[in-house]
Amino acid sequence: MQFGMMDGSGIGYGMMFMGLIFWILVIIGLVLLIKYLWESGGARKEQESALEILKKKYARGEISKEEFEEKRKDLL
């Protein structure tokens, strides 16, 4: 009694197809990992807002309180 392809060729093609899918997923995963590491590693840093820069200058003593208040009002 034979049920379909009993010579095993159907199983061979199925395994070959699954292997191909596996390697495609591995390559996609590696590309996404490299992209994530590249972007989080400093290739694309967010810029500080002007108010944050102003606060840092005031904290370091580079500008007086009056200058800080005046420039903060301009920014807001």
Protein backbone atom coordinates (compact mmCIF):
# COMPACT_ATOMS: atom_id res chain seq x y z
CA MET A 1 0.00 0.00 0.00
CA GLN A 2 1.48 3.32 -1.01
CA PHE A 3 0.34 6.69 0.31
CA GLY A 4 1.71 9.43 -1.92
CA MET A 5 5.48 9.62 -2.40
CA MET A 6 7.00 6.81 -0.41
CA ASP A 7 10.45 7.23 -1.88
CA GLY A 8 11.18 10.14 0.52
CA SER A 9 11.60 12.88 -2.09
CA GLY A 10 8.73 14.89 -0.58
CA ILE A 11 10.42 14.87 2.82
CA GLY A 12 13.73 15.88 1.26
CA TYR A 13 12.25 18.92 -0.45
CA GLY A 14 10.42 19.88 2.73
CA MET A 15 13.61 19.72 4.78
CA MET A 16 15.49 21.71 2.15
CA PHE A 17 12.76 24.37 2.19
CA MET A 18 12.81 24.54 6.02
CA GLY A 19 16.60 24.92 5.95
CA LEU A 20 16.30 27.79 3.50
CA ILE A 21 13.69 29.51 5.67
CA PHE A 22 15.91 29.01 8.73
CA TRP A 23 18.92 30.70 7.10
CA ILE A 24 16.82 33.56 5.76
CA LEU A 25 15.53 34.20 9.31
CA VAL A 26 19.07 34.03 10.72
CA ILE A 27 20.31 36.60 8.19
CA ILE A 28 17.35 38.93 8.85
CA GLY A 29 17.97 38.62 12.59
CA LEU A 30 21.65 39.50 12.19
CA VAL A 31 20.84 42.52 10.02
CA LEU A 32 18.32 43.79 12.60
CA LEU A 33 20.78 43.22 15.45
CA ILE A 34 23.54 45.13 13.65
CA LYS A 35 21.13 47.98 12.87
CA TYR A 36 20.02 48.18 16.51
CA LEU A 37 23.59 48.17 17.82
CA TRP A 38 24.66 50.79 15.29
CA GLU A 39 21.84 53.17 16.20
CA SER A 40 22.13 52.74 19.96
CA GLY A 41 25.91 52.98 19.88
CA GLY A 42 25.98 56.70 19.18
CA ALA A 43 25.55 56.86 15.44
CA ARG A 44 22.35 58.76 16.01
CA LYS A 45 22.27 60.66 19.32
CA GLU A 46 19.40 62.83 20.34
CA GLN A 47 20.22 66.49 20.61
CA GLU A 48 19.74 68.34 23.86
CA SER A 49 17.05 70.96 24.01
CA ALA A 50 18.06 74.59 24.35
CA LEU A 51 16.58 74.72 27.84
CA GLU A 52 18.67 71.74 28.98
CA ILE A 53 21.83 73.43 27.67
CA LEU A 54 20.86 76.65 29.44
CA LYS A 55 20.32 74.78 32.72
CA LYS A 56 23.73 73.13 32.43
CA LYS A 57 25.44 76.47 31.79
CA TYR A 58 23.75 77.95 34.84
CA ALA A 59 24.70 74.94 36.95
CA ARG A 60 28.35 75.27 35.90
CA GLY A 61 28.31 78.97 36.75
CA GLU A 62 28.87 80.15 33.19
CA ILE A 63 25.88 82.53 33.34
CA SER A 64 24.30 84.49 36.18
CA LYS A 65 20.82 83.94 37.58
CA GLU A 66 19.56 87.05 35.79
CA GLU A 67 20.92 85.84 32.46
CA PHE A 68 19.40 82.41 33.07
CA GLU A 69 15.95 83.85 33.86
CA GLU A 70 16.07 86.20 30.86
CA LYS A 71 17.08 83.50 28.40
CA ARG A 72 14.62 81.00 29.90
CA LYS A 73 11.77 83.49 29.32
CA ASP A 74 12.92 83.88 25.71
CA LEU A 75 12.88 80.12 25.21
CA LEU A 76 9.48 79.57 26.79
